């Protein structure tokens, strides 16, 4: 969900306001995904590299996440969506971790789709964490399936398609293991300006792509 700060600059707004507008857009996306019958949605909300941003911006984002997870959970419950978080949870503020635990607990019975939020997430960090988890269990040999289960997102499907807004054409450490056969879509649209019409057009193009997976 890239382009929040650039969107704000183009609109003559403070750069941090772009992040708030971006979170508002997430609510729209969850509805679009449900309408399309998509059962799993993963959002790259904050990367391991994002910790290198200014303390002001990082603190703003942490507070914004905490506020959002607190006030929007009732709407998520009503939508029947289960929420899960993946990433380096231990690096996040304790108060935010508690909100995350609360959201996961209150939505655990959701049966109308799963929303996975990648927070303090990095694909390489996920792989390293998976290796360390297996080493801690004294595992001496693994195959792809067993290693896949050791990852933070082990219980979720590999993504069929990945959309990146904001103009950059790279995955930036997102789902490094899981994305090998994902269909990739890059758009110049900044995330807060992303609309349902563009989302629907991407789904149409995805349906037309031939997915041979080496065959």
Foldseek 3Di string as FASTA:
>chain_A
DFDQQVVCVVVVHHSLVSLVLLVVVVVVVVVLCLVVQNAEAEDANAELVNVPDDPVSVVSSLVSLLVCLVPCLVVCQVVLEAEEEFADLVVHDPSNSVSRVVSNVSNVRRDSHYYYYYHRHFQVVQLVQLVVVCVVVVNDDDDPLVSCCSGRCSVDAQAQADEDEQADDDDHRPNVPRCPQHHYHYYNHGSSRDDSVVVVVVVVVSVVDDRPPVD
